[in-house]
Amino acid sequence: MKRMHLHISVEDINKSIGFYNSLFGATPTVSKPDYAKWMLDDPSVNFAISQRGARAGLDHIGIQVESDTELLEIKNRLEKAELSLLTEEGSTCCYAKSDKHWVQDPSGIAWETYHTLDSAPTFSGQESAEPSAACCVPATQKVQFISRK
């Protein structure tokens, strides 16, 4: 099963947690001083907020998969479309270790496809990472999409 992932940068983590608790009727499955994540089944989404983005708003979108096979399937589709792809294996981000592939849509929105391997004690794998450091999204680059009609 694949699960949609949305990550939003917020200005006030506590007010935002309160808002999303009310909206979803659930509390976060992961809660840190600068980050919270809800793993919802209805709708099926991994919804995360943090104070890690450059400004409040959409940080990135993704598709979380449950196996290496599903991740490889998506990677193959992206490569066939000749999209600029960034692969990270064993990456630590958002208090989790994951294998992932990043692409950006034609408007520059970052999309991550990933398989979570384990939880992590730090946001970015570095004990001394600044709390204001941005999320783990790679730098924006222009993506060329080749239509195959």
N, C-alpha and C. Protein backbone atom coordinates (compact mmCIF):
# COMPACT_ATOMS: atom_id res chain seq x y z
N MET A 1 0.84 -1.18 0.00
CA MET A 1 0.00 0.00 0.00
C MET A 1 0.88 1.24 0.00
N LYS A 2 0.54 2.18 -0.81
CA LYS A 2 1.23 3.46 -0.84
C LYS A 2 0.42 4.47 -0.04
N ARG A 3 1.10 5.42 0.57
CA ARG A 3 0.45 6.43 1.39
C ARG A 3 0.94 7.80 0.95
N MET A 4 0.03 8.73 0.72
CA MET A 4 0.39 10.09 0.37
C MET A 4 1.09 10.74 1.57
N HIS A 5 2.11 11.54 1.29
CA HIS A 5 2.84 12.26 2.33
C HIS A 5 2.80 13.75 2.03
N LEU A 6 2.42 14.54 3.00
CA LEU A 6 2.44 16.00 2.89
C LEU A 6 3.22 16.55 4.06
N HIS A 7 4.12 17.49 3.80
CA HIS A 7 4.88 18.13 4.86
C HIS A 7 4.70 19.64 4.73
N ILE A 8 4.23 20.25 5.81
CA ILE A 8 3.96 21.68 5.82
C ILE A 8 4.84 22.35 6.86
N SER A 9 5.48 23.44 6.49
CA SER A 9 6.23 24.26 7.44
C SER A 9 5.25 25.19 8.15
N VAL A 10 5.39 25.30 9.46
CA VAL A 10 4.45 26.11 10.24
C VAL A 10 5.22 27.14 11.07
N GLU A 11 4.52 28.19 11.46
CA GLU A 11 5.14 29.23 12.28
C GLU A 11 5.11 28.87 13.76
N ASP A 12 4.01 28.30 14.23
CA ASP A 12 3.85 27.98 15.66
C ASP A 12 3.47 26.51 15.77
N ILE A 13 4.41 25.68 16.22
CA ILE A 13 4.20 24.23 16.26
C ILE A 13 3.05 23.85 17.20
N ASN A 14 2.96 24.47 18.37
CA ASN A 14 1.92 24.09 19.33
C ASN A 14 0.52 24.46 18.86
N LYS A 15 0.36 25.67 18.31
CA LYS A 15 -0.95 26.06 17.78
C LYS A 15 -1.33 25.15 16.60
N SER A 16 -0.34 24.82 15.78
CA SER A 16 -0.61 23.97 14.61
C SER A 16 -0.98 22.56 15.03
N ILE A 17 -0.31 22.02 16.04
CA ILE A 17 -0.67 20.68 16.53
C ILE A 17 -2.11 20.69 17.03
N GLY A 18 -2.48 21.72 17.79
CA GLY A 18 -3.86 21.83 18.27
C GLY A 18 -4.86 21.87 17.12
N PHE A 19 -4.54 22.66 16.09
CA PHE A 19 -5.44 22.76 14.94
C PHE A 19 -5.59 21.41 14.24
N TYR A 20 -4.47 20.75 13.94
CA TYR A 20 -4.55 19.49 13.20
C TYR A 20 -5.11 18.35 14.05
N ASN A 21 -4.92 18.38 15.37
CA ASN A 21 -5.59 17.40 16.24
C ASN A 21 -7.10 17.51 16.07
N SER A 22 -7.60 18.75 16.06
CA SER A 22 -9.04 18.98 15.88
C SER A 22 -9.50 18.56 14.50
N LEU A 23 -8.73 18.94 13.49
CA LEU A 23 -9.11 18.62 12.11
C LEU A 23 -9.17 17.11 11.87
N PHE A 24 -8.15 16.39 12.35
CA PHE A 24 -8.07 14.95 12.10
C PHE A 24 -8.78 14.12 13.16
N GLY A 25 -9.10 14.71 14.31
CA GLY A 25 -9.70 13.92 15.39
C GLY A 25 -8.72 12.91 15.94
N ALA A 26 -7.43 13.24 15.90
CA ALA A 26 -6.38 12.33 16.35
C ALA A 26 -5.17 13.13 16.79
N THR A 27 -4.36 12.54 17.65
CA THR A 27 -3.11 13.17 18.08
C THR A 27 -1.96 12.62 17.25
N PRO A 28 -0.83 13.33 17.22
CA PRO A 28 0.30 12.87 16.41
C PRO A 28 0.84 11.51 16.85
N THR A 29 1.32 10.74 15.89
CA THR A 29 2.00 9.48 16.20
C THR A 29 3.46 9.74 16.55
N VAL A 30 4.00 10.87 16.09
CA VAL A 30 5.33 11.33 16.46
C VAL A 30 5.20 12.81 16.82
N SER A 31 5.75 13.17 17.98
CA SER A 31 5.70 14.57 18.40
C SER A 31 7.04 14.95 19.01
N LYS A 32 7.68 15.97 18.44
CA LYS A 32 8.96 16.50 18.90
C LYS A 32 8.78 18.00 19.10
N PRO A 33 9.73 18.68 19.73
CA PRO A 33 9.58 20.12 19.95
C PRO A 33 9.44 20.94 18.67
N ASP A 34 9.93 20.42 17.53
CA ASP A 34 9.91 21.17 16.27
C ASP A 34 9.21 20.42 15.14
N TYR A 35 8.52 19.32 15.48
CA TYR A 35 8.00 18.42 14.43
C TYR A 35 6.85 17.59 14.99
N ALA A 36 5.87 17.30 14.14
CA ALA A 36 4.79 16.37 14.50
C ALA A 36 4.34 15.65 13.24
N LYS A 37 3.93 14.37 13.42
CA LYS A 37 3.47 13.57 12.28
C LYS A 37 2.25 12.76 12.68
N TRP A 38 1.26 12.76 11.80
CA TRP A 38 0.06 11.95 11.96
C TRP A 38 0.06 10.89 10.86
N MET A 39 0.00 9.62 11.23
CA MET A 39 -0.13 8.53 10.25
C MET A 39 -1.60 8.15 10.23
N LEU A 40 -2.33 8.73 9.31
CA LEU A 40 -3.78 8.55 9.27
C LEU A 40 -4.18 7.45 8.29
N ASP A 41 -5.22 6.72 8.64
CA ASP A 41 -5.76 5.70 7.74
C ASP A 41 -6.93 6.23 6.94
N ASP A 42 -7.61 7.26 7.46
CA ASP A 42 -8.77 7.80 6.76
C ASP A 42 -8.75 9.32 6.88
N PRO A 43 -8.21 10.04 5.91
CA PRO A 43 -7.65 9.55 4.64
C PRO A 43 -6.26 8.94 4.87
N SER A 44 -5.85 8.09 3.95
CA SER A 44 -4.56 7.42 4.06
C SER A 44 -3.45 8.42 3.71
N VAL A 45 -2.89 9.02 4.75
CA VAL A 45 -1.88 10.06 4.53
C VAL A 45 -0.89 10.07 5.70
N ASN A 46 0.35 10.35 5.38
CA ASN A 46 1.40 10.65 6.35
C ASN A 46 1.51 12.16 6.31
N PHE A 47 0.94 12.83 7.30
CA PHE A 47 0.88 14.29 7.32
C PHE A 47 1.84 14.80 8.38
N ALA A 48 2.80 15.62 8.00
CA ALA A 48 3.80 16.13 8.93
C ALA A 48 3.86 17.65 8.89
N ILE A 49 4.17 18.23 10.05
CA ILE A 49 4.41 19.66 10.16
C ILE A 49 5.73 19.86 10.88
N SER A 50 6.41 20.96 10.59
CA SER A 50 7.63 21.29 11.32
C SER A 50 7.90 22.78 11.24
N GLN A 51 8.83 23.21 12.03
CA GLN A 51 9.29 24.59 11.97
C GLN A 51 10.62 24.62 11.25
N ARG A 52 10.80 23.79 10.25
CA ARG A 52 12.07 23.63 9.57
C ARG A 52 12.13 24.29 8.20
N GLY A 53 11.03 24.74 7.65
CA GLY A 53 11.03 25.31 6.31
C GLY A 53 11.48 26.75 6.30
N ALA A 54 11.77 27.25 5.12
CA ALA A 54 12.21 28.64 4.97
C ALA A 54 11.08 29.60 5.32
N ARG A 55 9.86 29.22 5.01
CA ARG A 55 8.69 30.03 5.36
C ARG A 55 7.50 29.09 5.52
N ALA A 56 6.47 29.58 6.18
CA ALA A 56 5.28 28.75 6.40
C ALA A 56 4.63 28.40 5.07
N GLY A 57 4.15 27.19 4.95
CA GLY A 57 3.46 26.73 3.75
C GLY A 57 3.92 25.35 3.36
N LEU A 58 3.52 24.92 2.19
CA LEU A 58 3.87 23.59 1.69
C LEU A 58 5.38 23.46 1.57
N ASP A 59 5.94 22.43 2.18
CA ASP A 59 7.38 22.19 2.10
C ASP A 59 7.67 21.17 1.00
N HIS A 60 7.01 20.03 1.05
CA HIS A 60 7.15 19.03 -0.02
C HIS A 60 6.02 18.02 0.07
N ILE A 61 5.87 17.26 -0.99
CA ILE A 61 4.84 16.21 -1.11
C ILE A 61 5.58 14.91 -1.38
N GLY A 62 4.97 13.81 -1.00
CA GLY A 62 5.64 12.54 -1.27
C GLY A 62 4.70 11.37 -1.33
N ILE A 63 5.29 10.23 -1.67
CA ILE A 63 4.58 8.95 -1.65
C ILE A 63 5.42 8.01 -0.81
N GLN A 64 4.84 7.55 0.29
CA GLN A 64 5.51 6.61 1.18
C GLN A 64 5.10 5.20 0.77
N VAL A 65 6.08 4.33 0.59
CA VAL A 65 5.80 2.94 0.19
C VAL A 65 6.18 2.01 1.34
N GLU A 66 5.74 0.76 1.24
CA GLU A 66 5.99 -0.20 2.31
C GLU A 66 7.09 -1.19 1.99
N SER A 67 7.67 -1.13 0.78
CA SER A 67 8.69 -2.11 0.44
C SER A 67 9.70 -1.53 -0.55
N ASP A 68 10.87 -2.18 -0.60
CA ASP A 68 11.89 -1.80 -1.58
C ASP A 68 11.37 -2.01 -3.00
N THR A 69 10.55 -3.04 -3.19
CA THR A 69 9.99 -3.34 -4.51
C THR A 69 9.12 -2.20 -5.01
N GLU A 70 8.25 -1.67 -4.13
CA GLU A 70 7.40 -0.55 -4.52
C GLU A 70 8.24 0.69 -4.82
N LEU A 71 9.29 0.91 -4.04
CA LEU A 71 10.15 2.07 -4.28
C LEU A 71 10.87 1.95 -5.62
N LEU A 72 11.36 0.77 -5.92
CA LEU A 72 12.03 0.54 -7.21
C LEU A 72 11.07 0.73 -8.38
N GLU A 73 9.83 0.29 -8.21
CA GLU A 73 8.81 0.45 -9.26
C GLU A 73 8.62 1.93 -9.61
N ILE A 74 8.52 2.77 -8.59
CA ILE A 74 8.34 4.21 -8.83
C ILE A 74 9.60 4.81 -9.43
N LYS A 75 10.77 4.42 -8.92
CA LYS A 75 12.04 4.92 -9.46
C LYS A 75 12.15 4.60 -10.94
N ASN A 76 11.79 3.39 -11.33
CA ASN A 76 11.85 3.00 -12.75
C ASN A 76 10.93 3.87 -13.60
N ARG A 77 9.73 4.19 -13.10
CA ARG A 77 8.81 5.07 -13.85
C ARG A 77 9.41 6.45 -14.03
N LEU A 78 10.03 6.98 -12.98
CA LEU A 78 10.63 8.32 -13.05
C LEU A 78 11.81 8.34 -14.02
N GLU A 79 12.62 7.29 -14.00
CA GLU A 79 13.76 7.21 -14.92
C GLU A 79 13.29 7.07 -16.36
N LYS A 80 12.24 6.30 -16.61
CA LYS A 80 11.70 6.16 -17.97
C LYS A 80 11.18 7.48 -18.50
N ALA A 81 10.68 8.33 -17.59
CA ALA A 81 10.19 9.65 -17.99
C ALA A 81 11.34 10.65 -18.16
N GLU A 82 12.57 10.17 -17.92
CA GLU A 82 13.78 10.97 -18.05
C GLU A 82 13.75 12.21 -17.17
N LEU A 83 13.23 12.05 -15.93
CA LEU A 83 13.22 13.14 -14.97
C LEU A 83 14.54 13.17 -14.21
N SER A 84 14.95 14.35 -13.83
CA SER A 84 16.15 14.51 -13.02
C SER A 84 15.84 13.94 -11.64
N LEU A 85 16.59 12.92 -11.24
CA LEU A 85 16.28 12.15 -10.04
C LEU A 85 17.47 12.21 -9.07
N LEU A 86 17.19 12.46 -7.80
CA LEU A 86 18.21 12.43 -6.76
C LEU A 86 17.89 11.27 -5.83
N THR A 87 18.82 10.32 -5.68
CA THR A 87 18.62 9.16 -4.83
C THR A 87 19.41 9.33 -3.54
N GLU A 88 18.77 9.03 -2.42
CA GLU A 88 19.42 9.05 -1.11
C GLU A 88 19.12 7.72 -0.43
N GLU A 89 20.17 6.98 -0.09
CA GLU A 89 19.99 5.70 0.60
C GLU A 89 20.40 5.87 2.06
N GLY A 90 19.58 5.34 2.97
CA GLY A 90 19.88 5.43 4.39
C GLY A 90 19.88 6.85 4.91
N SER A 91 19.11 7.71 4.29
CA SER A 91 19.04 9.12 4.67
C SER A 91 18.31 9.29 6.00
N THR A 92 18.78 10.22 6.84
CA THR A 92 18.08 10.54 8.07
C THR A 92 17.46 11.92 7.92
N CYS A 93 16.15 11.97 8.05
CA CYS A 93 15.40 13.22 7.95
C CYS A 93 14.07 13.04 8.67
N CYS A 94 13.60 14.08 9.32
CA CYS A 94 12.30 14.07 9.98
C CYS A 94 12.19 12.93 10.99
N TYR A 95 13.27 12.71 11.74
CA TYR A 95 13.32 11.70 12.79
C TYR A 95 13.09 10.28 12.26
N ALA A 96 13.50 10.04 11.00
CA ALA A 96 13.36 8.70 10.40
C ALA A 96 14.52 8.43 9.46
N LYS A 97 14.88 7.16 9.32
CA LYS A 97 15.86 6.70 8.33
C LYS A 97 15.07 6.13 7.15
N SER A 98 15.45 6.54 5.94
CA SER A 98 14.71 6.13 4.75
C SER A 98 15.62 6.01 3.54
N ASP A 99 15.20 5.17 2.61
CA ASP A 99 15.74 5.20 1.25
C ASP A 99 14.75 6.02 0.45
N LYS A 100 15.25 6.94 -0.38
CA LYS A 100 14.32 7.84 -1.08
C LYS A 100 14.85 8.30 -2.42
N HIS A 101 13.93 8.77 -3.23
CA HIS A 101 14.23 9.38 -4.52
C HIS A 101 13.45 10.69 -4.59
N TRP A 102 14.13 11.75 -4.99
CA TRP A 102 13.52 13.07 -5.10
C TRP A 102 13.40 13.48 -6.58
N VAL A 103 12.30 14.10 -6.91
CA VAL A 103 12.12 14.78 -8.20
C VAL A 103 11.37 16.07 -7.90
N GLN A 104 11.34 16.95 -8.89
CA GLN A 104 10.55 18.16 -8.76
C GLN A 104 9.65 18.28 -9.97
N ASP A 105 8.41 18.72 -9.71
CA ASP A 105 7.47 18.87 -10.81
C ASP A 105 7.84 20.11 -11.63
N PRO A 106 7.18 20.33 -12.77
CA PRO A 106 7.53 21.47 -13.62
C PRO A 106 7.43 22.83 -12.93
N SER A 107 6.68 22.93 -11.82
CA SER A 107 6.57 24.18 -11.08
C SER A 107 7.60 24.30 -9.98
N GLY A 108 8.43 23.27 -9.81
CA GLY A 108 9.47 23.30 -8.80
C GLY A 108 9.08 22.72 -7.45
N ILE A 109 7.90 22.09 -7.36
CA ILE A 109 7.47 21.47 -6.10
C ILE A 109 8.22 20.16 -5.93
N ALA A 110 8.84 20.00 -4.76
CA ALA A 110 9.62 18.79 -4.47
C ALA A 110 8.69 17.62 -4.16
N TRP A 111 8.96 16.49 -4.80
CA TRP A 111 8.26 15.23 -4.54
C TRP A 111 9.29 14.22 -4.08
N GLU A 112 8.98 13.52 -3.00
CA GLU A 112 9.86 12.49 -2.49
C GLU A 112 9.11 11.16 -2.53
N THR A 113 9.76 10.13 -3.03
CA THR A 113 9.22 8.77 -2.92
C THR A 113 10.18 8.05 -1.98
N TYR A 114 9.62 7.36 -0.97
CA TYR A 114 10.52 6.82 0.03
C TYR A 114 9.96 5.61 0.76
N HIS A 115 10.90 4.83 1.28
CA HIS A 115 10.60 3.66 2.11
C HIS A 115 11.26 3.90 3.47
N THR A 116 10.46 4.04 4.52
CA THR A 116 10.99 4.27 5.86
C THR A 116 11.57 2.97 6.40
N LEU A 117 12.83 3.04 6.86
CA LEU A 117 13.53 1.86 7.36
C LEU A 117 13.46 1.77 8.88
N ASP A 118 13.50 2.93 9.57
CA ASP A 118 13.54 2.93 11.03
C ASP A 118 13.33 4.36 11.53
N SER A 119 13.08 4.51 12.82
CA SER A 119 13.02 5.85 13.40
C SER A 119 14.44 6.32 13.70
N ALA A 120 14.59 7.62 13.93
CA ALA A 120 15.90 8.20 14.23
C ALA A 120 15.75 9.17 15.40
N PRO A 121 16.77 9.28 16.24
CA PRO A 121 16.66 10.16 17.41
C PRO A 121 16.80 11.65 17.09
N THR A 122 17.28 11.99 15.89
CA THR A 122 17.46 13.39 15.53
C THR A 122 16.71 13.71 14.24
N PHE A 123 16.49 15.00 14.00
CA PHE A 123 15.77 15.43 12.81
C PHE A 123 16.54 15.11 11.53
N SER A 124 17.86 15.40 11.55
CA SER A 124 18.63 15.28 10.32
C SER A 124 19.82 14.35 10.42
N GLY A 125 19.94 13.61 11.51
CA GLY A 125 21.08 12.71 11.66
C GLY A 125 22.29 13.38 12.26
N GLN A 126 22.19 14.67 12.53
CA GLN A 126 23.29 15.42 13.13
C GLN A 126 22.84 15.94 14.49
N GLU A 127 23.54 15.56 15.54
CA GLU A 127 23.18 15.98 16.89
C GLU A 127 23.16 17.50 17.03
N SER A 128 24.05 18.19 16.31
CA SER A 128 24.18 19.63 16.49
C SER A 128 23.43 20.45 15.44
N ALA A 129 22.51 19.81 14.71
CA ALA A 129 21.77 20.54 13.67
C ALA A 129 20.98 21.69 14.29
N GLU A 130 21.05 22.84 13.67
CA GLU A 130 20.32 24.01 14.15
C GLU A 130 18.82 23.76 14.08
N PRO A 131 18.06 24.13 15.12
CA PRO A 131 16.61 23.95 15.09
C PRO A 131 15.95 24.69 13.92
N SER A 132 16.60 25.75 13.44
CA SER A 132 16.01 26.52 12.35
C SER A 132 16.41 25.98 10.98
N ALA A 133 17.27 24.94 10.95
CA ALA A 133 17.70 24.38 9.67
C ALA A 133 16.50 23.83 8.91
N ALA A 134 16.48 24.06 7.61
CA ALA A 134 15.34 23.65 6.79
C ALA A 134 15.20 22.14 6.73
N CYS A 135 14.04 21.72 6.29
CA CYS A 135 13.77 20.29 6.10
C CYS A 135 14.77 19.74 5.09
N CYS A 136 14.71 18.46 4.85
CA CYS A 136 15.73 17.76 4.07
C CYS A 136 15.51 17.80 2.56
N VAL A 137 14.69 18.70 2.09
CA VAL A 137 14.39 18.80 0.67
C VAL A 137 15.62 19.31 -0.08
N PRO A 138 16.01 18.64 -1.17
CA PRO A 138 17.16 19.11 -1.95
C PRO A 138 16.89 20.49 -2.56
N ALA A 139 17.94 21.19 -2.91
CA ALA A 139 17.81 22.51 -3.53
C ALA A 139 16.98 22.41 -4.81
N THR A 140 16.20 23.45 -5.07
CA THR A 140 15.34 23.48 -6.24
C THR A 140 16.17 23.44 -7.52
N GLN A 141 15.71 22.64 -8.45
CA GLN A 141 16.32 22.60 -9.77
C GLN A 141 15.22 22.45 -10.80
N LYS A 142 15.40 23.01 -11.94
CA LYS A 142 14.38 22.94 -12.98
C LYS A 142 14.27 21.52 -13.52
N VAL A 143 13.06 21.02 -13.60
CA VAL A 143 12.82 19.66 -14.07
C VAL A 143 12.27 19.71 -15.49
N GLN A 144 12.80 18.86 -16.32
CA GLN A 144 12.27 18.75 -17.68
C GLN A 144 11.40 17.51 -17.74
N PHE A 145 10.15 17.68 -18.16
CA PHE A 145 9.24 16.56 -18.32
C PHE A 145 9.08 16.29 -19.79
N ILE A 146 9.31 15.08 -20.20
CA ILE A 146 9.21 14.72 -21.61
C ILE A 146 7.90 13.96 -21.81
N SER A 147 6.99 14.57 -22.56
CA SER A 147 5.71 13.95 -22.82
C SER A 147 5.87 12.84 -23.86
N ARG A 148 5.25 11.71 -23.62
CA ARG A 148 5.32 10.56 -24.53
C ARG A 148 3.94 10.28 -25.09
N LYS A 149 3.52 11.09 -26.04
CA LYS A 149 2.19 10.92 -26.65
C LYS A 149 2.22 9.96 -27.79
